[in-house]
Structure formats: C-alpha cells, structure tokens
Protein backbone atom coordinates (compact mmCIF):
# COMPACT_ATOMS: atom_id res chain seq x y z
CA MET A 1 21.56 -28.95 37.27
CA SER A 2 18.55 -31.12 38.09
CA LEU A 3 15.26 -30.84 36.10
CA GLU A 4 13.52 -29.52 39.23
CA ASN A 5 16.01 -26.67 39.61
CA SER A 6 15.77 -25.86 35.92
CA ILE A 7 11.95 -25.49 36.07
CA LYS A 8 12.26 -23.41 39.23
CA ASP A 9 14.78 -21.05 37.66
CA THR A 10 12.65 -20.65 34.48
CA VAL A 11 9.49 -19.81 36.44
CA THR A 12 11.43 -17.34 38.59
CA ALA A 13 12.89 -15.64 35.53
CA LYS A 14 9.45 -15.32 33.85
CA MET A 15 7.90 -13.87 36.98
CA GLU A 16 10.71 -11.36 37.32
CA ASP A 17 10.55 -10.18 33.68
CA GLY A 18 6.77 -9.57 33.81
CA THR A 19 5.68 -12.42 31.48
CA VAL A 20 3.29 -13.96 34.00
CA GLU A 21 1.65 -10.64 34.80
CA LYS A 22 1.21 -9.97 31.08
CA LEU A 23 -0.45 -13.34 30.45
CA VAL A 24 -2.73 -12.96 33.45
CA ALA A 25 -3.71 -9.46 32.28
CA GLU A 26 -4.54 -10.74 28.77
CA HIS A 27 -6.81 -13.49 30.11
CA VAL A 28 -8.49 -11.14 32.55
CA GLU A 29 -9.20 -8.77 29.64
CA LYS A 30 -10.67 -11.61 27.57
CA GLY A 31 -12.80 -12.66 30.51
CA ILE A 32 -14.17 -9.13 30.95
CA VAL A 33 -15.00 -8.88 27.23
CA LYS A 34 -16.88 -12.17 27.33
CA ALA A 35 -18.74 -11.14 30.47
CA LEU A 36 -19.78 -7.82 28.90
CA GLU A 37 -20.89 -9.56 25.69
CA SER A 38 -23.03 -11.85 27.80
CA LEU A 39 -24.53 -8.95 29.74
CA PHE A 40 -25.30 -6.93 26.61
CA CYS A 41 -26.57 -9.78 24.40
CA GLY A 42 -30.27 -10.11 23.56
CA TYR A 43 -30.99 -11.99 26.78
CA GLY A 44 -28.35 -10.36 29.00
CA ASP A 45 -29.17 -8.69 32.30
CA VAL A 46 -27.83 -5.26 31.29
CA THR A 47 -29.80 -5.32 28.04
CA LYS A 48 -32.98 -6.09 29.97
CA VAL A 49 -32.37 -3.17 32.33
CA ILE A 50 -31.75 -0.78 29.41
CA GLU A 51 -34.82 -2.08 27.57
CA LYS A 52 -36.96 -1.57 30.67
CA GLN A 53 -35.77 2.02 31.09
CA ILE A 54 -36.34 2.84 27.42
CA LYS A 55 -39.89 1.45 27.56
CA SER A 56 -40.67 3.42 30.73
CA VAL A 57 -39.69 6.66 28.97
CA MET A 58 -40.83 6.09 25.36
CA ILE A 59 -44.19 4.42 25.76
CA PRO A 60 -45.88 7.20 27.80
CA TYR A 61 -44.40 9.77 25.41
CA LEU A 62 -45.70 7.94 22.33
CA GLU A 63 -49.11 7.34 23.88
CA ALA A 64 -49.50 11.05 24.55
CA ARG A 65 -48.83 12.06 20.94
CA ASP A 66 -51.63 13.15 18.60
CA TYR A 67 -51.37 11.04 15.44
CA SER A 68 -54.39 12.42 13.60
CA GLN A 69 -52.28 14.53 11.23
CA TYR A 70 -50.08 11.56 10.42
CA ILE A 71 -53.12 9.38 9.71
CA VAL A 72 -54.32 11.93 7.15
CA LYS A 73 -50.90 11.90 5.53
CA LEU A 74 -50.87 8.12 5.58
CA ASP A 75 -54.26 8.03 3.88
CA ASN A 76 -52.95 10.28 1.12
CA ILE A 77 -49.87 8.09 0.69
CA LEU A 78 -52.00 4.94 0.46
CA VAL A 79 -54.25 6.55 -2.14
CA ASP A 80 -51.21 7.50 -4.24
CA VAL A 81 -49.77 3.98 -3.95
CA LEU A 82 -53.05 2.42 -5.02
CA LYS A 83 -53.35 4.79 -7.97
CA ASN A 84 -49.84 4.00 -9.16
CA SER A 85 -50.04 0.24 -8.68
CA ALA A 86 -53.67 -0.43 -9.61
CA LEU A 87 -53.04 -0.77 -13.32
CA GLU A 88 -50.05 -3.05 -12.77
CA ASN A 89 -51.86 -5.29 -10.30
CA LYS A 90 -55.34 -5.21 -11.81
CA LYS A 91 -54.64 -8.31 -13.88
CA LEU A 92 -53.19 -10.11 -10.85
CA LEU A 93 -56.20 -9.30 -8.68
CA THR A 94 -58.69 -10.21 -11.41
CA ASN A 95 -56.97 -13.53 -12.09
CA PHE A 96 -56.82 -14.32 -8.38
CA LYS A 97 -60.55 -13.70 -8.06
CA ASP A 98 -61.30 -15.84 -11.14
CA VAL A 99 -59.12 -18.74 -9.95
CA MET A 100 -60.91 -18.77 -6.60
CA LEU A 101 -64.42 -18.80 -8.09
CA PRO A 102 -66.09 -22.15 -7.38
CA VAL A 103 -67.13 -24.50 -10.19
CA GLU A 104 -70.63 -25.86 -9.77
CA GLU A 105 -70.51 -28.48 -12.51
CA LYS A 106 -69.46 -31.97 -11.44
CA THR A 107 -68.83 -32.93 -15.05
CA ILE A 108 -68.06 -31.12 -18.30
CA GLN A 109 -68.14 -32.45 -21.84
CA LEU A 110 -64.95 -32.17 -23.87
CA SER A 111 -66.91 -30.62 -26.73
CA LYS A 112 -67.92 -27.76 -24.41
CA LEU A 113 -64.34 -27.31 -23.16
CA TYR A 114 -63.18 -27.30 -26.79
CA GLU A 115 -65.67 -24.51 -27.61
CA SER A 116 -64.25 -22.45 -24.72
CA TRP A 117 -60.76 -22.91 -26.13
CA LEU A 118 -61.89 -21.88 -29.64
CA LYS A 119 -63.32 -18.69 -28.16
CA PHE A 120 -60.05 -18.08 -26.29
CA VAL A 121 -58.02 -18.53 -29.50
CA ALA A 122 -60.27 -16.13 -31.40
CA GLU A 123 -59.79 -13.48 -28.70
CA GLU A 124 -56.09 -13.94 -27.90
CA VAL A 125 -54.28 -15.41 -30.92
CA ASP A 126 -51.29 -13.43 -32.19
CA THR A 127 -52.14 -11.84 -35.53
CA ASN A 128 -48.55 -11.05 -36.51
CA GLY A 129 -47.76 -12.75 -39.79
CA LEU A 130 -51.39 -13.38 -40.73
CA LYS A 131 -52.67 -12.20 -44.10
CA VAL A 132 -55.45 -9.64 -44.26
CA ILE A 133 -58.48 -10.82 -46.23
CA CYS A 134 -60.53 -8.06 -47.85
CA ASP A 135 -64.02 -9.19 -48.86
CA ASP A 136 -66.99 -7.27 -47.50
CA SER A 137 -64.70 -6.04 -44.73
CA ALA A 138 -61.07 -6.50 -43.77
CA ALA A 139 -60.25 -9.45 -41.48
CA TYR A 140 -57.27 -11.61 -40.64
CA GLU A 141 -57.03 -15.02 -42.21
CA SER A 142 -58.10 -17.95 -40.08
CA VAL A 143 -55.67 -20.11 -38.12
CA GLU A 144 -55.84 -23.89 -38.04
CA VAL A 145 -56.39 -25.53 -34.66
CA THR A 146 -56.69 -29.12 -33.50
CA MET A 147 -57.73 -30.99 -30.41
CA ASP A 148 -56.96 -34.63 -29.74
CA VAL A 149 -56.72 -37.15 -26.93
CA GLU A 150 -53.65 -39.37 -26.80
CA TYR A 151 -54.41 -42.59 -24.94
CA ALA A 152 -51.58 -44.28 -23.09
CA GLU A 153 -51.04 -47.80 -24.31
CA GLU A 154 -50.14 -49.20 -20.90
CA ARG A 155 -52.32 -49.04 -17.81
CA VAL A 156 -50.97 -48.19 -14.40
CA GLY A 157 -51.92 -51.31 -12.48
CA ARG A 158 -55.07 -53.14 -13.44
CA TYR A 159 -57.62 -50.41 -12.86
CA PHE A 160 -56.23 -47.04 -14.03
CA SER A 161 -55.93 -45.65 -17.55
CA HIS A 162 -54.11 -42.49 -18.56
CA ALA A 163 -54.32 -40.09 -21.49
CA THR A 164 -53.22 -36.59 -22.55
CA LEU A 165 -55.58 -33.96 -23.89
CA ASN A 166 -53.84 -31.61 -26.35
CA PHE A 167 -55.02 -28.26 -27.70
CA ASP A 168 -52.76 -27.11 -30.56
CA CYS A 169 -52.47 -24.00 -32.71
CA ASP A 170 -49.45 -24.10 -35.03
CA HIS A 171 -49.53 -20.36 -35.71
CA ASP A 172 -49.33 -19.32 -32.03
CA LYS A 173 -47.74 -21.71 -29.54
CA ASP A 174 -49.04 -19.61 -26.64
CA MET A 175 -52.49 -21.02 -27.45
CA ASN A 176 -51.32 -24.60 -26.82
CA PHE A 177 -52.29 -26.53 -23.70
CA SER A 178 -51.89 -30.08 -22.44
CA VAL A 179 -54.03 -31.66 -19.74
CA ARG A 180 -53.28 -34.97 -18.05
CA LEU A 181 -56.23 -37.34 -17.82
CA SER A 182 -56.73 -40.42 -15.70
CA ARG A 183 -59.67 -42.65 -14.85
CA TYR A 184 -60.64 -45.63 -12.78
CA VAL A 185 -61.68 -48.34 -15.21
CA ASP A 186 -65.18 -49.68 -14.68
CA GLU A 187 -68.44 -49.70 -16.58
CA LYS A 188 -69.93 -46.66 -14.80
CA THR A 189 -67.06 -44.26 -15.55
CA ASP A 190 -66.11 -45.50 -18.99
CA LYS A 191 -66.00 -41.93 -20.40
CA ALA A 192 -65.43 -39.87 -17.24
CA TRP A 193 -61.83 -38.75 -16.64
CA ASP A 194 -60.08 -36.83 -13.88
CA MET A 195 -58.20 -33.73 -15.08
CA SER A 196 -54.81 -32.52 -13.89
CA TYR A 197 -53.35 -29.28 -15.22
CA ASP A 198 -49.88 -28.06 -14.28
CA ALA A 199 -49.49 -24.32 -14.00
CA THR A 200 -47.34 -22.00 -11.94
CA THR A 201 -49.67 -20.70 -9.22
CA ASP A 202 -47.18 -18.53 -7.36
CA ILE A 203 -48.85 -15.25 -6.43
CA ARG A 204 -46.38 -13.28 -8.59
CA SER A 205 -47.27 -15.32 -11.68
CA LEU A 206 -51.04 -14.88 -11.41
CA ARG A 207 -51.00 -11.74 -13.55
CA TYR A 208 -49.59 -13.77 -16.45
CA LEU A 209 -52.23 -16.53 -16.44
CA LYS A 210 -54.38 -16.72 -19.55
CA SER A 211 -58.16 -16.95 -19.28
CA PHE A 212 -58.22 -20.55 -20.57
CA GLU A 213 -55.52 -21.51 -18.07
CA ILE A 214 -57.69 -20.14 -15.29
CA LEU A 215 -60.60 -22.26 -16.51
CA LEU A 216 -58.42 -25.40 -16.53
CA LEU A 217 -57.15 -24.63 -13.02
CA ARG A 218 -60.66 -24.12 -11.67
CA LEU A 219 -61.91 -27.37 -13.21
CA ALA A 220 -58.93 -29.33 -11.90
CA GLN A 221 -59.20 -27.84 -8.40
CA ALA A 222 -62.94 -28.59 -8.29
CA GLN A 223 -62.22 -32.18 -9.40
CA THR A 224 -64.66 -31.74 -12.28
CA MET A 225 -64.84 -34.91 -14.37
CA LEU A 226 -64.27 -34.63 -18.13
CA ILE A 227 -66.71 -36.54 -20.34
CA LEU A 228 -65.09 -37.56 -23.63
CA ASP A 229 -68.02 -37.09 -25.98
CA THR A 230 -65.33 -36.53 -28.62
CA ASP A 231 -61.59 -37.15 -28.74
CA SER A 232 -60.51 -35.41 -31.94
CA GLU A 233 -61.46 -32.12 -33.60
CA ARG A 234 -60.05 -29.83 -36.29
CA ASP A 235 -61.21 -26.29 -37.09
CA GLU A 236 -60.27 -22.91 -38.48
CA VAL A 237 -60.60 -19.92 -36.18
CA THR A 238 -60.90 -16.33 -37.37
CA PRO A 239 -59.22 -13.81 -35.02
CA GLU A 240 -61.58 -11.27 -33.49
CA LYS A 241 -58.92 -8.57 -33.72
CA GLU A 242 -59.51 -6.34 -36.71
CA PRO A 243 -56.67 -5.17 -38.98
CA GLU A 244 -55.71 -1.55 -38.67
CA ALA A 245 -56.58 0.55 -41.68
CA GLU A 246 -53.68 1.74 -43.82
CA TYR A 247 -53.94 5.09 -45.59
CA ARG A 248 -51.77 5.69 -48.63
C-alpha cells in the first residue's frame, strides 16, 4: 500500500466514524465562547447596548426620586460618626494643624530650642520609677538631662561641615531626640546651621507625634537656621505631674 493510499484510507475512516465532525464542533464552540466574551467584555458591543438601556431606564427614575428624607438620615449618621471618632482623631487633627503652622523666625538660638525641650520634658516625662520627695509639698524627684553637639571630624568636600544635635534623658528614652546639622563654611555663617529632622510624617502616624517633634519638623520645613550660642548643657528637670495622694 502506498503512503498516499494510506493517508486517504485514514481520512476516510475518521470522517466515517464522526471524528472530524466532533473536532469541528469543538472548535466552533470555542469560537462562539470567545466571540461572546468579546461582546460582553467591558468594551464589547453587547455590553454597550445593555449599559445604554440601563441608563435610559435608571437615570430618569433616580432623578425623579425625593432624597430629602435620606439626606436627613445621612446627616444623623455623619453626626454619630463624628461623635464616635472625634476623640480618637482629635490628636491627629491637632498635630496636623500644628505641623502646618508657618514659622516666622529665620533663625533660632540653640539655647531657646533647649528651653523648649526642657519644658517638654517637664510636661511629658514618664514618672514611673521616680521617687516622691515630700518637703513643703509632694513632688517627683528631678531627672537629669543633657544636650550636646557632636561635630563630625571630616568635612564633606571643602565647604560643608556636619554635626549632630542630641537631646538626652536617661530616665525616659522617649524624651530623646537627634537632629542632623550641616552648614556652608564661610565667615558669615560660622555659627548658623541647617537643621534636618527625620520623623514619620505618614498621615496615620500624626496622632503619635510629640509636641517637641512637631516643633522640630516645623523648623526643618521652614529651613530655619540654628544659631549655636551654646553646644553643651546639663540640667535637672522636675516633672510637672504631681504624685497621687495615698491614704492609709
């Protein structure tokens, strides 16, 4: 049997047993599915027709509705939401407002910034573990604090110097801050430094910013220059929080 006859016989057999019809039917089915998917996809012709019909029916119906009663309900819902979330978000909103307040001063002395930090420590320092001193009145013992400027030994290039300003309170590490300083070296700006403070300013983290952090952010964003009228201080700060009375 020649190869030609063999192929002929095989094709004839497949046509007679329905194989060809089956394969053709399968591909036709796949083609129809693909065509329908194309018609009903987001940009298909059928989808556009359906969308047009839905709009022609729904829009006039919706426009004719009276929504006044729903607006009243919506107002009540909004009031409830604000009442429930106000306390949680009050700190966030207050901090956001404070961060965005402009800074008028072009320069600030380090001694003044240090005084602001001392006030912050007195207001916010953790009193857990502190002894109570009873003289004329009960008060927590003072905490030791330091401020110093660490100057980098090497300059970046010929004209820039760098330093780090550190505020430290051993008793409460949450009171500690570090600020990067840099300056262009010349006679006119010998003591004026640029400040750079790194803090997470994601909207969700605003509620956790401390008041002194907000001050540092505002100064850095306003490009306020820091005048080093001092570069080292040591003090004792008495917490403003008063001990709770114990009755025995």
